[in-house]
Amino acid sequence: MVYAERIKELGAAEDKIRVLGSFKFDTAPSLNVPEWAKLLSHPVIIAGSTHRGEEDLLVSSYIELEKDFPDLTLIIAPRHPERFKEVEELVKKKGLEYIKCSELTSKLPGFRASGLIVILDAVGELASVYGVSDVAVIGGSFIEHGGQNLLESAFWAKPIICGPHMENFPFAKEFYERGAAIETDSSALYVKLKELLQSAEKREAMGNKAKDLYNEKAGAVERAMKEIERFLRDEAG
């Protein structure tokens, strides 16, 4: 109802406002998971659309988690392509094994990537790559940015972890309330990730709740079209 309130504040009559849902729920990603993503060892954590300051947090969590999950793969997908090199340098300085997805592509077929960090340096693949993840971490939410889209991971029925800053996506609150996503902060990220990696049952339950909520909210485009058609009929008399 946040947007409805804003429109009302601009002077629109309340009886003229319709809340039909978000079109974002009607934008499904491609079902074609890139071949390179199928080479990764599990479990797989994907951190989507990350911003400066978040990658260091994720890498620190990865270092600790790898002690208990030696085959763990962390995919880091920076939000802005111009930061690909910056993130690569950060990982390199930590002395960690990593590979770029563009390099994985050149190793097809037969190569197996085990226990490393993957930097997603391709544009347009993130939504589909969520399909191979075991846990999704939403970028832009651990800094004061307002978060990035969590619906792509919900589409794939993946358990979702968000930071405290998801202001750009008001519906995230419903995901938390329904047990479809976890809200945490930087200090507790490692703990929340470990809890999910230790329990396939918990991951599946959370992922199914995320998918159910996604499906419930879908259809906003169709609802909007029906409202427009009704309005045009009324105007035509």
C-alpha atoms as a PDB file:
ATOM      1  CA  MET A   1       0.000   0.000   0.000  1.00  0.00           C
ATOM      2  CA  VAL A   2       3.048   2.286   0.090  1.00  0.00           C
ATOM      3  CA  TYR A   3       2.624   3.461  -3.503  1.00  0.00           C
ATOM      4  CA  ALA A   4      -1.130   3.950  -3.133  1.00  0.00           C
ATOM      5  CA  GLU A   5      -0.504   6.266  -0.188  1.00  0.00           C
ATOM      6  CA  ARG A   6       2.025   8.252  -2.199  1.00  0.00           C
ATOM      7  CA  ILE A   7      -0.412   8.690  -5.083  1.00  0.00           C
ATOM      8  CA  LYS A   8      -3.118   9.786  -2.663  1.00  0.00           C
ATOM      9  CA  GLU A   9      -0.742  12.367  -1.204  1.00  0.00           C
ATOM     10  CA  LEU A  10      -0.274  13.763  -4.716  1.00  0.00           C
ATOM     11  CA  GLY A  11      -3.985  14.502  -4.834  1.00  0.00           C
ATOM     12  CA  ALA A  12      -5.597  11.459  -6.435  1.00  0.00           C
ATOM     13  CA  ALA A  13      -9.081  10.547  -5.209  1.00  0.00           C
ATOM     14  CA  GLU A  14      -9.035   7.397  -3.079  1.00  0.00           C
ATOM     15  CA  ASP A  15     -11.895   5.782  -5.018  1.00  0.00           C
ATOM     16  CA  LYS A  16      -9.852   6.121  -8.216  1.00  0.00           C
ATOM     17  CA  ILE A  17      -6.855   4.195  -6.897  1.00  0.00           C
ATOM     18  CA  ARG A  18      -6.496   0.458  -7.511  1.00  0.00           C
ATOM     19  CA  VAL A  19      -3.810  -1.686  -5.889  1.00  0.00           C
ATOM     20  CA  LEU A  20      -3.189  -4.554  -8.286  1.00  0.00           C
ATOM     21  CA  GLY A  21       0.248  -5.804  -7.283  1.00  0.00           C
ATOM     22  CA  SER A  22       3.731  -5.508  -8.722  1.00  0.00           C
ATOM     23  CA  PHE A  23       4.536  -6.189 -12.375  1.00  0.00           C
ATOM     24  CA  LYS A  24       7.871  -7.563 -11.147  1.00  0.00           C
ATOM     25  CA  PHE A  25       6.113 -10.832 -10.230  1.00  0.00           C
ATOM     26  CA  ASP A  26       5.202 -11.307 -13.891  1.00  0.00           C
ATOM     27  CA  THR A  27       8.764 -11.139 -15.202  1.00  0.00           C
ATOM     28  CA  ALA A  28      10.003 -14.737 -15.145  1.00  0.00           C
ATOM     29  CA  PRO A  29      13.681 -15.451 -15.923  1.00  0.00           C
ATOM     30  CA  SER A  30      14.842 -17.775 -18.659  1.00  0.00           C
ATOM     31  CA  LEU A  31      14.749 -21.446 -17.703  1.00  0.00           C
ATOM     32  CA  ASN A  32      17.981 -22.051 -19.608  1.00  0.00           C
ATOM     33  CA  VAL A  33      20.698 -22.260 -16.960  1.00  0.00           C
ATOM     34  CA  PRO A  34      24.126 -21.482 -18.510  1.00  0.00           C
ATOM     35  CA  GLU A  35      26.246 -24.569 -19.061  1.00  0.00           C
ATOM     36  CA  TRP A  36      29.150 -23.190 -17.027  1.00  0.00           C
ATOM     37  CA  ALA A  37      26.907 -22.955 -13.951  1.00  0.00           C
ATOM     38  CA  LYS A  38      26.287 -26.700 -14.125  1.00  0.00           C
ATOM     39  CA  LEU A  39      30.006 -27.348 -13.552  1.00  0.00           C
ATOM     40  CA  LEU A  40      29.992 -25.988 -10.011  1.00  0.00           C
ATOM     41  CA  SER A  41      30.353 -28.096  -6.887  1.00  0.00           C
ATOM     42  CA  HIS A  42      27.657 -27.830  -4.239  1.00  0.00           C
ATOM     43  CA  PRO A  43      26.581 -26.261  -2.013  1.00  0.00           C
ATOM     44  CA  VAL A  44      26.363 -23.038  -4.019  1.00  0.00           C
ATOM     45  CA  ILE A  45      25.757 -19.606  -2.514  1.00  0.00           C
ATOM     46  CA  ILE A  46      24.958 -16.878  -4.999  1.00  0.00           C
ATOM     47  CA  ALA A  47      25.239 -13.232  -4.022  1.00  0.00           C
ATOM     48  CA  GLY A  48      23.292 -11.300  -6.632  1.00  0.00           C
ATOM     49  CA  SER A  49      23.776  -7.664  -7.652  1.00  0.00           C
ATOM     50  CA  THR A  50      26.332  -6.846  -4.979  1.00  0.00           C
ATOM     51  CA  HIS A  51      27.656  -3.364  -4.244  1.00  0.00           C
ATOM     52  CA  ARG A  52      30.948  -2.037  -2.917  1.00  0.00           C
ATOM     53  CA  GLY A  53      31.368  -3.056   0.714  1.00  0.00           C
ATOM     54  CA  GLU A  54      29.309  -6.225   0.401  1.00  0.00           C
ATOM     55  CA  GLU A  55      31.817  -8.426  -1.391  1.00  0.00           C
ATOM     56  CA  ASP A  56      34.299  -8.211   1.487  1.00  0.00           C
ATOM     57  CA  LEU A  57      31.549  -9.334   3.872  1.00  0.00           C
ATOM     58  CA  LEU A  58      30.639 -12.257   1.630  1.00  0.00           C
ATOM     59  CA  VAL A  59      34.226 -13.365   1.129  1.00  0.00           C
ATOM     60  CA  SER A  60      34.835 -13.266   4.892  1.00  0.00           C
ATOM     61  CA  SER A  61      31.776 -15.464   5.434  1.00  0.00           C
ATOM     62  CA  TYR A  62      32.963 -17.810   2.677  1.00  0.00           C
ATOM     63  CA  ILE A  63      36.366 -18.257   4.343  1.00  0.00           C
ATOM     64  CA  GLU A  64      34.703 -19.387   7.565  1.00  0.00           C
ATOM     65  CA  LEU A  65      32.062 -21.543   5.879  1.00  0.00           C
ATOM     66  CA  GLU A  66      34.621 -23.357   3.734  1.00  0.00           C
ATOM     67  CA  LYS A  67      36.054 -24.927   6.897  1.00  0.00           C
ATOM     68  CA  ASP A  68      32.839 -26.938   7.284  1.00  0.00           C
ATOM     69  CA  PHE A  69      31.864 -27.116   3.603  1.00  0.00           C
ATOM     70  CA  PRO A  70      35.082 -27.701   1.599  1.00  0.00           C
ATOM     71  CA  ASP A  71      33.204 -28.015  -1.704  1.00  0.00           C
ATOM     72  CA  LEU A  72      31.377 -24.719  -1.172  1.00  0.00           C
ATOM     73  CA  THR A  73      31.080 -22.449  -4.195  1.00  0.00           C
ATOM     74  CA  LEU A  74      30.396 -18.738  -3.836  1.00  0.00           C
ATOM     75  CA  ILE A  75      29.147 -16.902  -6.912  1.00  0.00           C
ATOM     76  CA  ILE A  76      29.549 -13.138  -6.679  1.00  0.00           C
ATOM     77  CA  ALA A  77      27.570 -11.139  -9.234  1.00  0.00           C
ATOM     78  CA  PRO A  78      28.485  -7.432  -8.970  1.00  0.00           C
ATOM     79  CA  ARG A  79      25.610  -5.084  -9.793  1.00  0.00           C
ATOM     80  CA  HIS A  80      27.740  -2.924 -12.090  1.00  0.00           C
ATOM     81  CA  PRO A  81      29.975  -4.419 -14.823  1.00  0.00           C
ATOM     82  CA  GLU A  82      32.620  -1.736 -14.306  1.00  0.00           C
ATOM     83  CA  ARG A  83      33.289  -3.313 -10.884  1.00  0.00           C
ATOM     84  CA  PHE A  84      34.137  -6.793 -12.190  1.00  0.00           C
ATOM     85  CA  LYS A  85      37.881  -6.075 -12.058  1.00  0.00           C
ATOM     86  CA  GLU A  86      37.619  -4.442  -8.626  1.00  0.00           C
ATOM     87  CA  VAL A  87      35.934  -7.523  -7.170  1.00  0.00           C
ATOM     88  CA  GLU A  88      38.480  -9.790  -8.819  1.00  0.00           C
ATOM     89  CA  GLU A  89      41.304  -7.816  -7.184  1.00  0.00           C
ATOM     90  CA  LEU A  90      39.599  -8.052  -3.788  1.00  0.00           C
ATOM     91  CA  VAL A  91      39.378 -11.852  -4.009  1.00  0.00           C
ATOM     92  CA  LYS A  92      42.921 -12.115  -5.336  1.00  0.00           C
ATOM     93  CA  LYS A  93      44.308 -10.106  -2.402  1.00  0.00           C
ATOM     94  CA  LYS A  94      42.648 -12.564  -0.022  1.00  0.00           C
ATOM     95  CA  GLY A  95      44.675 -15.340  -1.641  1.00  0.00           C
ATOM     96  CA  LEU A  96      41.559 -17.326  -2.514  1.00  0.00           C
ATOM     97  CA  GLU A  97      41.007 -19.588  -5.487  1.00  0.00           C
ATOM     98  CA  TYR A  98      38.618 -18.018  -7.959  1.00  0.00           C
ATOM     99  CA  ILE A  99      37.549 -18.109 -11.566  1.00  0.00           C
ATOM    100  CA  LYS A 100      35.462 -15.843 -13.780  1.00  0.00           C
ATOM    101  CA  CYS A 101      32.429 -17.317 -15.476  1.00  0.00           C
ATOM    102  CA  SER A 102      33.849 -16.182 -18.823  1.00  0.00           C
ATOM    103  CA  GLU A 103      36.827 -18.461 -18.129  1.00  0.00           C
ATOM    104  CA  LEU A 104      34.564 -21.333 -17.104  1.00  0.00           C
ATOM    105  CA  THR A 105      32.776 -21.062 -20.429  1.00  0.00           C
ATOM    106  CA  SER A 106      36.055 -21.612 -22.260  1.00  0.00           C
ATOM    107  CA  LYS A 107      36.722 -24.780 -20.216  1.00  0.00           C
ATOM    108  CA  LEU A 108      33.603 -26.592 -21.414  1.00  0.00           C
ATOM    109  CA  PRO A 109      33.036 -29.519 -21.620  1.00  0.00           C
ATOM    110  CA  GLY A 110      34.300 -31.859 -18.907  1.00  0.00           C
ATOM    111  CA  PHE A 111      35.768 -29.357 -16.456  1.00  0.00           C
ATOM    112  CA  ARG A 112      34.568 -29.471 -12.838  1.00  0.00           C
ATOM    113  CA  ALA A 113      34.865 -26.437 -10.574  1.00  0.00           C
ATOM    114  CA  SER A 114      35.175 -27.412  -6.916  1.00  0.00           C
ATOM    115  CA  GLY A 115      35.315 -25.253  -3.812  1.00  0.00           C
ATOM    116  CA  LEU A 116      36.062 -21.812  -5.177  1.00  0.00           C
ATOM    117  CA  ILE A 117      34.712 -18.325  -5.781  1.00  0.00           C
ATOM    118  CA  VAL A 118      33.134 -17.569  -9.139  1.00  0.00           C
ATOM    119  CA  ILE A 119      32.879 -13.980 -10.331  1.00  0.00           C
ATOM    120  CA  LEU A 120      29.903 -13.598 -12.626  1.00  0.00           C
ATOM    121  CA  ASP A 121      31.402 -11.260 -15.225  1.00  0.00           C
ATOM    122  CA  ALA A 122      28.615 -11.704 -17.777  1.00  0.00           C
ATOM    123  CA  VAL A 123      25.631  -9.412 -18.192  1.00  0.00           C
ATOM    124  CA  GLY A 124      22.125 -10.877 -18.304  1.00  0.00           C
ATOM    125  CA  GLU A 125      22.822 -14.324 -16.810  1.00  0.00           C
ATOM    126  CA  LEU A 126      22.175 -13.728 -13.108  1.00  0.00           C
ATOM    127  CA  ALA A 127      18.436 -14.491 -13.150  1.00  0.00           C
ATOM    128  CA  SER A 128      19.050 -17.906 -14.715  1.00  0.00           C
ATOM    129  CA  VAL A 129      22.106 -18.739 -12.611  1.00  0.00           C
ATOM    130  CA  TYR A 130      19.957 -18.576  -9.475  1.00  0.00           C
ATOM    131  CA  GLY A 131      18.641 -21.912 -10.713  1.00  0.00           C
ATOM    132  CA  VAL A 132      21.792 -23.752  -9.549  1.00  0.00           C
ATOM    133  CA  SER A 133      22.070 -22.053  -6.165  1.00  0.00           C
ATOM    134  CA  ASP A 134      21.370 -23.584  -2.770  1.00  0.00           C
ATOM    135  CA  VAL A 135      21.102 -20.215  -1.008  1.00  0.00           C
ATOM    136  CA  ALA A 136      20.608 -16.726  -2.450  1.00  0.00           C
ATOM    137  CA  VAL A 137      21.958 -13.565  -0.810  1.00  0.00           C
ATOM    138  CA  ILE A 138      20.416 -10.335  -2.081  1.00  0.00           C
ATOM    139  CA  GLY A 139      22.907  -7.595  -2.862  1.00  0.00           C
ATOM    140  CA  GLY A 140      22.356  -3.931  -2.148  1.00  0.00           C
ATOM    141  CA  SER A 141      20.687  -4.854   1.139  1.00  0.00           C
ATOM    142  CA  PHE A 142      23.714  -4.885   3.450  1.00  0.00           C
ATOM    143  CA  ILE A 143      24.499  -1.252   2.661  1.00  0.00           C
ATOM    144  CA  GLU A 144      22.172   1.740   2.587  1.00  0.00           C
ATOM    145  CA  HIS A 145      21.139   1.205  -1.021  1.00  0.00           C
ATOM    146  CA  GLY A 146      17.648  -0.236  -0.634  1.00  0.00           C
ATOM    147  CA  GLY A 147      18.236  -3.752  -1.924  1.00  0.00           C
ATOM    148  CA  GLN A 148      18.008  -5.519  -5.263  1.00  0.00           C
ATOM    149  CA  ASN A 149      15.368  -7.816  -6.715  1.00  0.00           C
ATOM    150  CA  LEU A 150      14.672 -10.946  -4.650  1.00  0.00           C
ATOM    151  CA  LEU A 151      12.011 -12.305  -7.007  1.00  0.00           C
ATOM    152  CA  GLU A 152      14.407 -14.050  -9.379  1.00  0.00           C
ATOM    153  CA  SER A 153      15.566 -16.346  -6.589  1.00  0.00           C
ATOM    154  CA  ALA A 154      11.967 -16.792  -5.391  1.00  0.00           C
ATOM    155  CA  PHE A 155      10.997 -17.920  -8.894  1.00  0.00           C
ATOM    156  CA  TRP A 156      13.550 -20.724  -8.588  1.00  0.00           C
ATOM    157  CA  ALA A 157      12.262 -21.687  -5.102  1.00  0.00           C
ATOM    158  CA  LYS A 158      15.515 -20.798  -3.373  1.00  0.00           C
ATOM    159  CA  PRO A 159      15.946 -19.780   0.283  1.00  0.00           C
ATOM    160  CA  ILE A 160      16.690 -16.058   0.445  1.00  0.00           C
ATOM    161  CA  ILE A 161      18.806 -13.992   2.815  1.00  0.00           C
ATOM    162  CA  CYS A 162      18.485 -10.198   2.821  1.00  0.00           C
ATOM    163  CA  GLY A 163      20.272  -7.490   4.734  1.00  0.00           C
ATOM    164  CA  PRO A 164      18.460  -4.780   6.715  1.00  0.00           C
ATOM    165  CA  HIS A 165      18.070  -2.416   3.743  1.00  0.00           C
ATOM    166  CA  MET A 166      15.327  -3.619   1.381  1.00  0.00           C
ATOM    167  CA  GLU A 167      13.439  -0.313   1.197  1.00  0.00           C
ATOM    168  CA  ASN A 168      13.197  -0.462  -2.606  1.00  0.00           C
ATOM    169  CA  PHE A 169      11.115  -3.639  -2.318  1.00  0.00           C
ATOM    170  CA  PRO A 170       8.337  -3.125   0.271  1.00  0.00           C
ATOM    171  CA  PHE A 171       6.933  -6.593  -0.438  1.00  0.00           C
ATOM    172  CA  ALA A 172      10.096  -8.119   1.087  1.00  0.00           C
ATOM    173  CA  LYS A 173       8.386  -7.731   4.458  1.00  0.00           C
ATOM    174  CA  GLU A 174       5.772 -10.296   3.445  1.00  0.00           C
ATOM    175  CA  PHE A 175       8.531 -12.736   2.505  1.00  0.00           C
ATOM    176  CA  TYR A 176       9.952 -12.408   6.028  1.00  0.00           C
ATOM    177  CA  GLU A 177       6.539 -12.804   7.659  1.00  0.00           C
ATOM    178  CA  ARG A 178       5.791 -15.941   5.636  1.00  0.00           C
ATOM    179  CA  GLY A 179       9.150 -17.568   6.347  1.00  0.00           C
ATOM    180  CA  ALA A 180      10.125 -17.284   2.682  1.00  0.00           C
ATOM    181  CA  ALA A 181      13.198 -15.135   3.376  1.00  0.00           C
ATOM    182  CA  ILE A 182      15.460 -14.205   6.278  1.00  0.00           C
ATOM    183  CA  GLU A 183      16.347 -10.650   7.233  1.00  0.00           C
ATOM    184  CA  THR A 184      19.713 -10.334   8.967  1.00  0.00           C
ATOM    185  CA  ASP A 185      22.658  -7.977   9.304  1.00  0.00           C
ATOM    186  CA  SER A 186      26.358  -8.139   8.518  1.00  0.00           C
ATOM    187  CA  SER A 187      27.315  -9.519  11.926  1.00  0.00           C
ATOM    188  CA  ALA A 188      24.942 -12.491  11.640  1.00  0.00           C
ATOM    189  CA  LEU A 189      25.263 -13.327   7.934  1.00  0.00           C
ATOM    190  CA  TYR A 190      27.784 -16.133   8.483  1.00  0.00           C
ATOM    191  CA  VAL A 191      25.571 -17.759  11.130  1.00  0.00           C
ATOM    192  CA  LYS A 192      22.438 -17.605   8.956  1.00  0.00           C
ATOM    193  CA  LEU A 193      24.278 -19.040   5.974  1.00  0.00           C
ATOM    194  CA  LYS A 194      25.689 -21.889   8.047  1.00  0.00           C
ATOM    195  CA  GLU A 195      22.257 -22.732   9.458  1.00  0.00           C
ATOM    196  CA  LEU A 196      20.814 -23.035   5.960  1.00  0.00           C
ATOM    197  CA  LEU A 197      23.749 -24.984   4.542  1.00  0.00           C
ATOM    198  CA  GLN A 198      23.448 -27.483   7.393  1.00  0.00           C
ATOM    199  CA  SER A 199      19.786 -28.248   6.677  1.00  0.00           C
ATOM    200  CA  ALA A 200      18.541 -29.292   3.249  1.00  0.00           C
ATOM    201  CA  GLU A 201      15.086 -29.618   4.787  1.00  0.00           C
ATOM    202  CA  LYS A 202      15.090 -26.006   5.943  1.00  0.00           C
ATOM    203  CA  ARG A 203      16.353 -24.800   2.557  1.00  0.00           C
ATOM    204  CA  GLU A 204      13.624 -26.681   0.749  1.00  0.00           C
ATOM    205  CA  ALA A 205      10.886 -25.417   3.073  1.00  0.00           C
ATOM    206  CA  MET A 206      11.989 -21.798   2.720  1.00  0.00           C
ATOM    207  CA  GLY A 207      12.382 -22.107  -1.024  1.00  0.00           C
ATOM    208  CA  ASN A 208       8.909 -23.588  -1.435  1.00  0.00           C
ATOM    209  CA  LYS A 209       7.402 -20.751   0.601  1.00  0.00           C
ATOM    210  CA  ALA A 210       9.192 -18.229  -1.591  1.00  0.00           C
ATOM    211  CA  LYS A 211       7.871 -19.891  -4.745  1.00  0.00           C
ATOM    212  CA  ASP A 212       4.334 -20.100  -3.338  1.00  0.00           C
ATOM    213  CA  LEU A 213       4.351 -16.397  -2.504  1.00  0.00           C
ATOM    214  CA  TYR A 214       5.752 -15.587  -5.939  1.00  0.00           C
ATOM    215  CA  ASN A 215       2.928 -17.515  -7.598  1.00  0.00           C
ATOM    216  CA  GLU A 216       0.287 -15.896  -5.381  1.00  0.00           C
ATOM    217  CA  LYS A 217       1.443 -12.412  -6.326  1.00  0.00           C
ATOM    218  CA  ALA A 218       1.761 -13.060 -10.062  1.00  0.00           C
ATOM    219  CA  GLY A 219      -0.878 -11.776 -12.458  1.00  0.00           C
ATOM    220  CA  ALA A 220      -0.637  -8.023 -11.857  1.00  0.00           C
ATOM    221  CA  VAL A 221      -0.271  -7.310 -15.577  1.00  0.00           C
ATOM    222  CA  GLU A 222      -3.470  -9.180 -16.394  1.00  0.00           C
ATOM    223  CA  ARG A 223      -5.314  -7.440 -13.562  1.00  0.00           C
ATOM    224  CA  ALA A 224      -4.101  -4.059 -14.805  1.00  0.00           C
ATOM    225  CA  MET A 225      -5.234  -4.807 -18.359  1.00  0.00           C
ATOM    226  CA  LYS A 226      -8.709  -5.714 -17.116  1.00  0.00           C
ATOM    227  CA  GLU A 227      -8.920  -2.439 -15.171  1.00  0.00           C
ATOM    228  CA  ILE A 228      -7.868  -0.475 -18.255  1.00  0.00           C
ATOM    229  CA  GLU A 229     -10.420  -2.276 -20.426  1.00  0.00           C
ATOM    230  CA  ARG A 230     -13.148  -1.611 -17.862  1.00  0.00           C
ATOM    231  CA  PHE A 231     -12.217   2.081 -17.732  1.00  0.00           C
ATOM    232  CA  LEU A 232     -12.266   2.386 -21.524  1.00  0.00           C
ATOM    233  CA  ARG A 233     -15.684   0.726 -21.706  1.00  0.00           C
ATOM    234  CA  ASP A 234     -17.044   3.112 -19.070  1.00  0.00           C
ATOM    235  CA  GLU A 235     -15.610   6.116 -20.904  1.00  0.00           C
ATOM    236  CA  ALA A 236     -17.112   4.948 -24.185  1.00  0.00           C
ATOM    237  CA  GLY A 237     -20.495   4.830 -22.509  1.00  0.00           C
END
